[in-house]
Amino acid sequence: MDLMTAVILGVVEGISEFLPISSTGHLILTSQLLGLKHTDFLKSFEIAIQVGAIMSVAILYWRYLLVDTRTMRMVIVAFVPTGIMGLTLYKLVKQYLLGSASVVLWSLLIGGILLILFELRHREREDAVAAVENISLRQALIIGCFQSLAMIPGVSRSAATIVGGLIIGLKRKVIVEFSFLLAAPTMLAAAAYDLLKSGAGFSPDQFKFLAVGFVASFVVALLSIKFLLRYIQTHTFIAFGVYRIVLALVSLLLLY
């Protein structure tokens, strides 16, 4: 890896973290296209730079994270299923799923089809929850269960949580913003746990690459969040479903 590669991967992370297209899947495919070997450091890099994207959430939604204690309780409750699954399946995911282009491509393809079918059938309920503060304990827990599906690379944490929230009766803007907030403990825990396991073996140059990727993902994620909030005011996620399908098919042609 070099500094330019770290920047490219950071930009890809920043763009894709909060869109329903799978940031992990995009990082894995980008690494393949750049000819990078999927070493333990690269896997850790792909996890750690997500913290840069999370910092953009902290900047934009500091009130929810620091002042609104009820919303933070709901975020913590929603994090529990993923936290349990992450601790249980960490070795399996890192050793066998992260870095697998075939897993990513199938997840992107199937996820894109399901996202389109869902949007074609979904109708927002008249009594849909209209504010993040009004999400119930039960709804938070269900959203967390949906998020845990994103441990499979290519599924998309954002897509899983958003679809789950829409199914149980949240307005689109509400579940999108809650998905932003839920990313904070989820990604911070994943990065901290991975660095605790692997960070001692990193060289000074590798920490420099992490820092560069962190900054790039932070700056680009700020723009990505603002884009998504404007986009959902007048659009569904069908276009993202189509994009996932096209990306999977094109990648199959390029990589196999």
C-alpha atoms as a PDB file:
ATOM      1  CA  MET A   1       0.000   0.000   0.000  1.00  0.00           C
ATOM      2  CA  ASP A   2       1.048   3.606  -0.606  1.00  0.00           C
ATOM      3  CA  LEU A   3      -0.439   6.973   0.359  1.00  0.00           C
ATOM      4  CA  MET A   4      -2.448   7.340  -2.864  1.00  0.00           C
ATOM      5  CA  THR A   5      -3.993   3.917  -2.345  1.00  0.00           C
ATOM      6  CA  ALA A   6      -4.910   4.910   1.226  1.00  0.00           C
ATOM      7  CA  VAL A   7      -6.590   8.057  -0.103  1.00  0.00           C
ATOM      8  CA  ILE A   8      -8.534   6.107  -2.749  1.00  0.00           C
ATOM      9  CA  LEU A   9      -9.776   3.566  -0.216  1.00  0.00           C
ATOM     10  CA  GLY A  10     -10.675   6.371   2.200  1.00  0.00           C
ATOM     11  CA  VAL A  11     -12.712   8.139  -0.482  1.00  0.00           C
ATOM     12  CA  VAL A  12     -14.504   4.892  -1.376  1.00  0.00           C
ATOM     13  CA  GLU A  13     -15.315   4.342   2.304  1.00  0.00           C
ATOM     14  CA  GLY A  14     -16.585   7.883   2.749  1.00  0.00           C
ATOM     15  CA  ILE A  15     -18.875   7.662  -0.268  1.00  0.00           C
ATOM     16  CA  SER A  16     -20.288   4.231   0.429  1.00  0.00           C
ATOM     17  CA  GLU A  17     -20.549   3.958   4.245  1.00  0.00           C
ATOM     18  CA  PHE A  18     -23.970   5.586   4.585  1.00  0.00           C
ATOM     19  CA  LEU A  19     -25.446   4.695   1.199  1.00  0.00           C
ATOM     20  CA  PRO A  20     -27.265   1.323   0.860  1.00  0.00           C
ATOM     21  CA  ILE A  21     -24.512  -0.113  -1.332  1.00  0.00           C
ATOM     22  CA  SER A  22     -22.083  -1.715   1.193  1.00  0.00           C
ATOM     23  CA  SER A  23     -18.867   0.104   2.067  1.00  0.00           C
ATOM     24  CA  THR A  24     -17.102  -3.143   2.995  1.00  0.00           C
ATOM     25  CA  GLY A  25     -18.065  -4.666  -0.336  1.00  0.00           C
ATOM     26  CA  HIS A  26     -16.796  -1.625  -2.215  1.00  0.00           C
ATOM     27  CA  LEU A  27     -13.503  -1.634  -0.316  1.00  0.00           C
ATOM     28  CA  ILE A  28     -12.968  -5.321  -1.069  1.00  0.00           C
ATOM     29  CA  LEU A  29     -13.744  -4.883  -4.778  1.00  0.00           C
ATOM     30  CA  THR A  30     -11.596  -1.732  -4.993  1.00  0.00           C
ATOM     31  CA  SER A  31      -8.710  -3.587  -3.386  1.00  0.00           C
ATOM     32  CA  GLN A  32      -9.097  -6.361  -5.947  1.00  0.00           C
ATOM     33  CA  LEU A  33      -9.144  -3.883  -8.843  1.00  0.00           C
ATOM     34  CA  LEU A  34      -6.028  -2.163  -7.463  1.00  0.00           C
ATOM     35  CA  GLY A  35      -4.275  -5.511  -7.270  1.00  0.00           C
ATOM     36  CA  LEU A  36      -3.802  -5.394  -3.504  1.00  0.00           C
ATOM     37  CA  LYS A  37      -3.225  -8.588  -1.576  1.00  0.00           C
ATOM     38  CA  HIS A  38      -5.868  -9.003   1.099  1.00  0.00           C
ATOM     39  CA  THR A  39      -3.443  -9.190   3.999  1.00  0.00           C
ATOM     40  CA  ASP A  40      -4.406  -8.965   7.657  1.00  0.00           C
ATOM     41  CA  PHE A  41      -3.343  -5.306   7.618  1.00  0.00           C
ATOM     42  CA  LEU A  42      -5.563  -4.488   4.641  1.00  0.00           C
ATOM     43  CA  LYS A  43      -8.513  -6.164   6.364  1.00  0.00           C
ATOM     44  CA  SER A  44      -7.818  -4.117   9.501  1.00  0.00           C
ATOM     45  CA  PHE A  45      -7.377  -0.973   7.401  1.00  0.00           C
ATOM     46  CA  GLU A  46     -10.800  -1.486   5.810  1.00  0.00           C
ATOM     47  CA  ILE A  47     -12.353  -1.760   9.273  1.00  0.00           C
ATOM     48  CA  ALA A  48     -10.427   1.083  10.918  1.00  0.00           C
ATOM     49  CA  ILE A  49     -11.008   3.808   8.307  1.00  0.00           C
ATOM     50  CA  GLN A  50     -14.735   3.462   8.910  1.00  0.00           C
ATOM     51  CA  VAL A  51     -14.092   5.452  12.084  1.00  0.00           C
ATOM     52  CA  GLY A  52     -13.347   8.458   9.863  1.00  0.00           C
ATOM     53  CA  ALA A  53     -16.823   8.214   8.392  1.00  0.00           C
ATOM     54  CA  ILE A  54     -18.281   7.856  11.884  1.00  0.00           C
ATOM     55  CA  MET A  55     -16.623  11.083  12.979  1.00  0.00           C
ATOM     56  CA  SER A  56     -18.700  12.890  10.364  1.00  0.00           C
ATOM     57  CA  VAL A  57     -21.809  11.616  12.168  1.00  0.00           C
ATOM     58  CA  ALA A  58     -20.413  12.927  15.463  1.00  0.00           C
ATOM     59  CA  ILE A  59     -19.959  16.368  13.900  1.00  0.00           C
ATOM     60  CA  LEU A  60     -23.413  16.525  12.308  1.00  0.00           C
ATOM     61  CA  TYR A  61     -25.422  14.785  15.051  1.00  0.00           C
ATOM     62  CA  TRP A  62     -23.554  15.757  18.232  1.00  0.00           C
ATOM     63  CA  ARG A  63     -26.809  16.745  19.965  1.00  0.00           C
ATOM     64  CA  TYR A  64     -28.207  13.211  19.730  1.00  0.00           C
ATOM     65  CA  LEU A  65     -24.892  11.684  20.776  1.00  0.00           C
ATOM     66  CA  LEU A  66     -24.109  13.999  23.682  1.00  0.00           C
ATOM     67  CA  VAL A  67     -27.396  15.540  24.869  1.00  0.00           C
ATOM     68  CA  ASP A  68     -30.381  13.367  23.940  1.00  0.00           C
ATOM     69  CA  THR A  69     -29.954  10.512  26.412  1.00  0.00           C
ATOM     70  CA  ARG A  70     -33.152   8.709  25.380  1.00  0.00           C
ATOM     71  CA  THR A  71     -32.077   8.465  21.747  1.00  0.00           C
ATOM     72  CA  MET A  72     -28.652   7.235  22.805  1.00  0.00           C
ATOM     73  CA  ARG A  73     -30.286   4.515  24.912  1.00  0.00           C
ATOM     74  CA  MET A  74     -32.187   3.379  21.823  1.00  0.00           C
ATOM     75  CA  VAL A  75     -28.946   3.398  19.809  1.00  0.00           C
ATOM     76  CA  ILE A  76     -27.233   1.259  22.450  1.00  0.00           C
ATOM     77  CA  VAL A  77     -30.161  -1.182  22.510  1.00  0.00           C
ATOM     78  CA  ALA A  78     -30.040  -1.438  18.702  1.00  0.00           C
ATOM     79  CA  PHE A  79     -26.289  -2.082  18.867  1.00  0.00           C
ATOM     80  CA  VAL A  80     -26.629  -5.083  21.222  1.00  0.00           C
ATOM     81  CA  PRO A  81     -27.513  -7.761  18.586  1.00  0.00           C
ATOM     82  CA  THR A  82     -24.604  -6.717  16.356  1.00  0.00           C
ATOM     83  CA  GLY A  83     -22.244  -6.531  19.319  1.00  0.00           C
ATOM     84  CA  ILE A  84     -23.109 -10.074  20.380  1.00  0.00           C
ATOM     85  CA  MET A  85     -22.844 -11.416  16.824  1.00  0.00           C
ATOM     86  CA  GLY A  86     -19.584  -9.546  16.258  1.00  0.00           C
ATOM     87  CA  LEU A  87     -17.894 -10.987  19.328  1.00  0.00           C
ATOM     88  CA  THR A  88     -19.170 -14.459  18.494  1.00  0.00           C
ATOM     89  CA  LEU A  89     -18.319 -14.536  14.791  1.00  0.00           C
ATOM     90  CA  TYR A  90     -15.297 -12.175  14.616  1.00  0.00           C
ATOM     91  CA  LYS A  91     -12.773 -14.853  13.585  1.00  0.00           C
ATOM     92  CA  LEU A  92     -15.106 -16.426  11.046  1.00  0.00           C
ATOM     93  CA  VAL A  93     -15.941 -13.113   9.390  1.00  0.00           C
ATOM     94  CA  LYS A  94     -12.356 -11.806   9.253  1.00  0.00           C
ATOM     95  CA  GLN A  95     -10.733 -15.055   8.123  1.00  0.00           C
ATOM     96  CA  TYR A  96     -13.281 -16.350   5.633  1.00  0.00           C
ATOM     97  CA  LEU A  97     -15.703 -13.586   4.593  1.00  0.00           C
ATOM     98  CA  LEU A  98     -13.671 -10.369   4.537  1.00  0.00           C
ATOM     99  CA  GLY A  99     -11.692 -10.383   1.324  1.00  0.00           C
ATOM    100  CA  SER A 100     -13.997 -12.795  -0.479  1.00  0.00           C
ATOM    101  CA  ALA A 101     -15.035 -11.130  -3.744  1.00  0.00           C
ATOM    102  CA  SER A 102     -17.517 -13.914  -4.497  1.00  0.00           C
ATOM    103  CA  VAL A 103     -19.375 -13.339  -1.209  1.00  0.00           C
ATOM    104  CA  VAL A 104     -19.476  -9.598  -1.921  1.00  0.00           C
ATOM    105  CA  LEU A 105     -20.756 -10.013  -5.474  1.00  0.00           C
ATOM    106  CA  TRP A 106     -23.534 -12.400  -4.523  1.00  0.00           C
ATOM    107  CA  SER A 107     -24.543 -10.151  -1.620  1.00  0.00           C
ATOM    108  CA  LEU A 108     -24.587  -7.077  -3.857  1.00  0.00           C
ATOM    109  CA  LEU A 109     -26.607  -8.859  -6.533  1.00  0.00           C
ATOM    110  CA  ILE A 110     -29.191 -10.481  -4.260  1.00  0.00           C
ATOM    111  CA  GLY A 111     -29.383  -7.399  -2.050  1.00  0.00           C
ATOM    112  CA  GLY A 112     -29.986  -5.164  -5.061  1.00  0.00           C
ATOM    113  CA  ILE A 113     -32.857  -7.345  -6.285  1.00  0.00           C
ATOM    114  CA  LEU A 114     -34.436  -7.474  -2.825  1.00  0.00           C
ATOM    115  CA  LEU A 115     -34.065  -3.711  -2.378  1.00  0.00           C
ATOM    116  CA  ILE A 116     -35.900  -3.029  -5.654  1.00  0.00           C
ATOM    117  CA  LEU A 117     -38.679  -5.512  -4.845  1.00  0.00           C
ATOM    118  CA  PHE A 118     -39.084  -4.022  -1.380  1.00  0.00           C
ATOM    119  CA  GLU A 119     -39.345  -0.451  -2.665  1.00  0.00           C
ATOM    120  CA  LEU A 120     -41.896  -1.439  -5.304  1.00  0.00           C
ATOM    121  CA  ARG A 121     -44.155  -2.906  -2.604  1.00  0.00           C
ATOM    122  CA  HIS A 122     -43.473  -0.560   0.305  1.00  0.00           C
ATOM    123  CA  ARG A 123     -46.066   2.027   1.292  1.00  0.00           C
ATOM    124  CA  GLU A 124     -45.380   4.331   4.207  1.00  0.00           C
ATOM    125  CA  ARG A 125     -47.917   3.961   7.009  1.00  0.00           C
ATOM    126  CA  GLU A 126     -49.943   6.995   8.058  1.00  0.00           C
ATOM    127  CA  ASP A 127     -48.864   6.476  11.680  1.00  0.00           C
ATOM    128  CA  ALA A 128     -45.174   6.016  10.809  1.00  0.00           C
ATOM    129  CA  VAL A 129     -42.754   7.268  13.489  1.00  0.00           C
ATOM    130  CA  ALA A 130     -41.875  10.838  12.520  1.00  0.00           C
ATOM    131  CA  ALA A 131     -38.961  11.613  14.863  1.00  0.00           C
ATOM    132  CA  VAL A 132     -35.835   9.779  15.971  1.00  0.00           C
ATOM    133  CA  GLU A 133     -36.713  10.572  19.588  1.00  0.00           C
ATOM    134  CA  ASN A 134     -39.944   8.563  19.281  1.00  0.00           C
ATOM    135  CA  ILE A 135     -38.379   5.235  18.299  1.00  0.00           C
ATOM    136  CA  SER A 136     -39.436   2.604  20.835  1.00  0.00           C
ATOM    137  CA  LEU A 137     -37.279   0.041  22.643  1.00  0.00           C
ATOM    138  CA  ARG A 138     -38.843  -2.796  20.619  1.00  0.00           C
ATOM    139  CA  GLN A 139     -38.270  -0.994  17.316  1.00  0.00           C
ATOM    140  CA  ALA A 140     -34.648  -0.258  18.221  1.00  0.00           C
ATOM    141  CA  LEU A 141     -34.002  -3.917  19.021  1.00  0.00           C
ATOM    142  CA  ILE A 142     -35.553  -5.080  15.728  1.00  0.00           C
ATOM    143  CA  ILE A 143     -33.482  -2.557  13.766  1.00  0.00           C
ATOM    144  CA  GLY A 144     -30.395  -3.893  15.529  1.00  0.00           C
ATOM    145  CA  CYS A 145     -31.254  -7.422  14.443  1.00  0.00           C
ATOM    146  CA  PHE A 146     -31.518  -6.262  10.850  1.00  0.00           C
ATOM    147  CA  GLN A 147     -28.158  -4.502  11.157  1.00  0.00           C
ATOM    148  CA  SER A 148     -26.470  -7.734  12.255  1.00  0.00           C
ATOM    149  CA  LEU A 149     -27.124  -9.144   8.762  1.00  0.00           C
ATOM    150  CA  ALA A 150     -24.484  -6.732   7.491  1.00  0.00           C
ATOM    151  CA  MET A 151     -21.734  -8.845   9.005  1.00  0.00           C
ATOM    152  CA  ILE A 152     -21.865 -10.569   5.617  1.00  0.00           C
ATOM    153  CA  PRO A 153     -19.689  -8.394   3.306  1.00  0.00           C
ATOM    154  CA  GLY A 154     -21.764  -6.807   0.575  1.00  0.00           C
ATOM    155  CA  VAL A 155     -25.077  -6.818   2.462  1.00  0.00           C
ATOM    156  CA  SER A 156     -24.743  -3.138   3.528  1.00  0.00           C
ATOM    157  CA  ARG A 157     -25.289  -2.063   7.105  1.00  0.00           C
ATOM    158  CA  SER A 158     -27.144   1.018   5.885  1.00  0.00           C
ATOM    159  CA  ALA A 159     -29.495  -0.950   3.613  1.00  0.00           C
ATOM    160  CA  ALA A 160     -30.261  -3.548   6.281  1.00  0.00           C
ATOM    161  CA  THR A 161     -31.105  -0.998   8.977  1.00  0.00           C
ATOM    162  CA  ILE A 162     -33.096   1.265   6.644  1.00  0.00           C
ATOM    163  CA  VAL A 163     -35.201  -1.581   5.229  1.00  0.00           C
ATOM    164  CA  GLY A 164     -35.756  -2.920   8.736  1.00  0.00           C
ATOM    165  CA  GLY A 165     -36.883   0.477   9.959  1.00  0.00           C
ATOM    166  CA  LEU A 166     -39.262   0.985   7.042  1.00  0.00           C
ATOM    167  CA  ILE A 167     -40.791  -2.462   7.608  1.00  0.00           C
ATOM    168  CA  ILE A 168     -41.596  -1.743  11.254  1.00  0.00           C
ATOM    169  CA  GLY A 169     -43.125   1.672  10.578  1.00  0.00           C
ATOM    170  CA  LEU A 170     -40.543   4.467  10.624  1.00  0.00           C
ATOM    171  CA  LYS A 171     -40.543   7.372   8.201  1.00  0.00           C
ATOM    172  CA  ARG A 172     -37.719   7.287   5.667  1.00  0.00           C
ATOM    173  CA  LYS A 173     -35.839  10.298   7.033  1.00  0.00           C
ATOM    174  CA  VAL A 174     -36.140   8.981  10.600  1.00  0.00           C
ATOM    175  CA  ILE A 175     -34.634   5.565   9.894  1.00  0.00           C
ATOM    176  CA  VAL A 176     -31.904   7.074   7.706  1.00  0.00           C
ATOM    177  CA  GLU A 177     -30.853   9.368  10.554  1.00  0.00           C
ATOM    178  CA  PHE A 178     -31.103   6.560  13.116  1.00  0.00           C
ATOM    179  CA  SER A 179     -28.929   4.439  10.811  1.00  0.00           C
ATOM    180  CA  PHE A 180     -26.316   7.219  10.894  1.00  0.00           C
ATOM    181  CA  LEU A 181     -26.383   7.246  14.697  1.00  0.00           C
ATOM    182  CA  LEU A 182     -26.292   3.458  14.989  1.00  0.00           C
ATOM    183  CA  ALA A 183     -23.147   3.408  12.860  1.00  0.00           C
ATOM    184  CA  ALA A 184     -21.244   5.173  15.653  1.00  0.00           C
ATOM    185  CA  PRO A 185     -21.091   2.417  18.314  1.00  0.00           C
ATOM    186  CA  THR A 186     -21.106  -0.326  15.671  1.00  0.00           C
ATOM    187  CA  MET A 187     -18.085   0.870  13.728  1.00  0.00           C
ATOM    188  CA  LEU A 188     -16.206   2.189  16.758  1.00  0.00           C
ATOM    189  CA  ALA A 189     -16.564  -1.167  18.502  1.00  0.00           C
ATOM    190  CA  ALA A 190     -15.495  -3.089  15.381  1.00  0.00           C
ATOM    191  CA  ALA A 191     -12.446  -0.879  14.824  1.00  0.00           C
ATOM    192  CA  ALA A 192     -11.403  -0.853  18.483  1.00  0.00           C
ATOM    193  CA  TYR A 193     -11.731  -4.620  18.810  1.00  0.00           C
ATOM    194  CA  ASP A 194      -9.766  -5.237  15.615  1.00  0.00           C
ATOM    195  CA  LEU A 195      -6.989  -2.795  16.544  1.00  0.00           C
ATOM    196  CA  LEU A 196      -6.774  -4.386  19.995  1.00  0.00           C
ATOM    197  CA  LYS A 197      -6.305  -7.769  18.321  1.00  0.00           C
ATOM    198  CA  SER A 198      -4.014  -6.698  15.480  1.00  0.00           C
ATOM    199  CA  GLY A 199      -2.727  -3.152  16.051  1.00  0.00           C
ATOM    200  CA  ALA A 200       0.397  -4.110  18.002  1.00  0.00           C
ATOM    201  CA  GLY A 201       1.892  -5.597  14.846  1.00  0.00           C
ATOM    202  CA  PHE A 202       1.466  -2.511  12.646  1.00  0.00           C
ATOM    203  CA  SER A 203       4.507  -0.556  11.504  1.00  0.00           C
ATOM    204  CA  PRO A 204       4.772   3.283  11.689  1.00  0.00           C
ATOM    205  CA  ASP A 205       4.122   3.446   7.932  1.00  0.00           C
ATOM    206  CA  GLN A 206       0.981   1.378   8.314  1.00  0.00           C
ATOM    207  CA  PHE A 207      -0.332   3.706  11.013  1.00  0.00           C
ATOM    208  CA  LYS A 208       0.388   6.588   8.609  1.00  0.00           C
ATOM    209  CA  PHE A 209      -1.742   4.895   5.952  1.00  0.00           C
ATOM    210  CA  LEU A 210      -4.524   4.457   8.514  1.00  0.00           C
ATOM    211  CA  ALA A 211      -4.395   8.170   9.358  1.00  0.00           C
ATOM    212  CA  VAL A 212      -4.581   9.202   5.694  1.00  0.00           C
ATOM    213  CA  GLY A 213      -7.491   6.851   5.018  1.00  0.00           C
ATOM    214  CA  PHE A 214      -9.237   8.128   8.156  1.00  0.00           C
ATOM    215  CA  VAL A 215      -9.058  11.779   7.047  1.00  0.00           C
ATOM    216  CA  ALA A 216     -10.182  11.008   3.488  1.00  0.00           C
ATOM    217  CA  SER A 217     -13.180   8.988   4.660  1.00  0.00           C
ATOM    218  CA  PHE A 218     -14.172  11.692   7.165  1.00  0.00           C
ATOM    219  CA  VAL A 219     -14.246  14.530   4.623  1.00  0.00           C
ATOM    220  CA  VAL A 220     -16.055  12.557   1.920  1.00  0.00           C
ATOM    221  CA  ALA A 221     -18.569  11.042   4.381  1.00  0.00           C
ATOM    222  CA  LEU A 222     -19.708  14.535   5.398  1.00  0.00           C
ATOM    223  CA  LEU A 223     -20.688  15.192   1.780  1.00  0.00           C
ATOM    224  CA  SER A 224     -22.235  11.733   1.391  1.00  0.00           C
ATOM    225  CA  ILE A 225     -24.531  12.198   4.410  1.00  0.00           C
ATOM    226  CA  LYS A 226     -25.767  15.562   3.159  1.00  0.00           C
ATOM    227  CA  PHE A 227     -26.368  14.095  -0.301  1.00  0.00           C
ATOM    228  CA  LEU A 228     -28.418  11.181   1.058  1.00  0.00           C
ATOM    229  CA  LEU A 229     -30.612  13.422   3.233  1.00  0.00           C
ATOM    230  CA  ARG A 230     -31.466  15.545   0.185  1.00  0.00           C
ATOM    231  CA  TYR A 231     -31.916  12.510  -2.055  1.00  0.00           C
ATOM    232  CA  ILE A 232     -34.490  10.713   0.107  1.00  0.00           C
ATOM    233  CA  GLN A 233     -36.800  13.735   0.112  1.00  0.00           C
ATOM    234  CA  THR A 234     -37.886  12.924  -3.452  1.00  0.00           C
ATOM    235  CA  HIS A 235     -36.495   9.462  -4.281  1.00  0.00           C
ATOM    236  CA  THR A 236     -36.730   5.835  -3.213  1.00  0.00           C
ATOM    237  CA  PHE A 237     -33.730   3.486  -3.052  1.00  0.00           C
ATOM    238  CA  ILE A 238     -34.530   1.733  -6.343  1.00  0.00           C
ATOM    239  CA  ALA A 239     -31.621   3.455  -8.105  1.00  0.00           C
ATOM    240  CA  PHE A 240     -29.235   2.034  -5.496  1.00  0.00           C
ATOM    241  CA  GLY A 241     -30.689  -1.427  -6.046  1.00  0.00           C
ATOM    242  CA  VAL A 242     -30.063  -1.102  -9.791  1.00  0.00           C
ATOM    243  CA  TYR A 243     -26.541   0.143  -9.097  1.00  0.00           C
ATOM    244  CA  ARG A 244     -25.798  -2.866  -6.880  1.00  0.00           C
ATOM    245  CA  ILE A 245     -26.938  -5.274  -9.604  1.00  0.00           C
ATOM    246  CA  VAL A 246     -24.935  -3.518 -12.339  1.00  0.00           C
ATOM    247  CA  LEU A 247     -21.832  -3.344 -10.129  1.00  0.00           C
ATOM    248  CA  ALA A 248     -22.057  -7.057  -9.328  1.00  0.00           C
ATOM    249  CA  LEU A 249     -22.439  -8.054 -12.978  1.00  0.00           C
ATOM    250  CA  VAL A 250     -19.665  -5.744 -14.228  1.00  0.00           C
ATOM    251  CA  SER A 251     -17.336  -6.911 -11.456  1.00  0.00           C
ATOM    252  CA  LEU A 252     -17.985 -10.520 -12.416  1.00  0.00           C
ATOM    253  CA  LEU A 253     -16.801  -9.737 -15.933  1.00  0.00           C
ATOM    254  CA  LEU A 254     -13.705  -7.863 -14.732  1.00  0.00           C
ATOM    255  CA  LEU A 255     -12.601 -10.159 -11.925  1.00  0.00           C
ATOM    256  CA  TYR A 256     -13.466 -13.629 -13.307  1.00  0.00           C
END
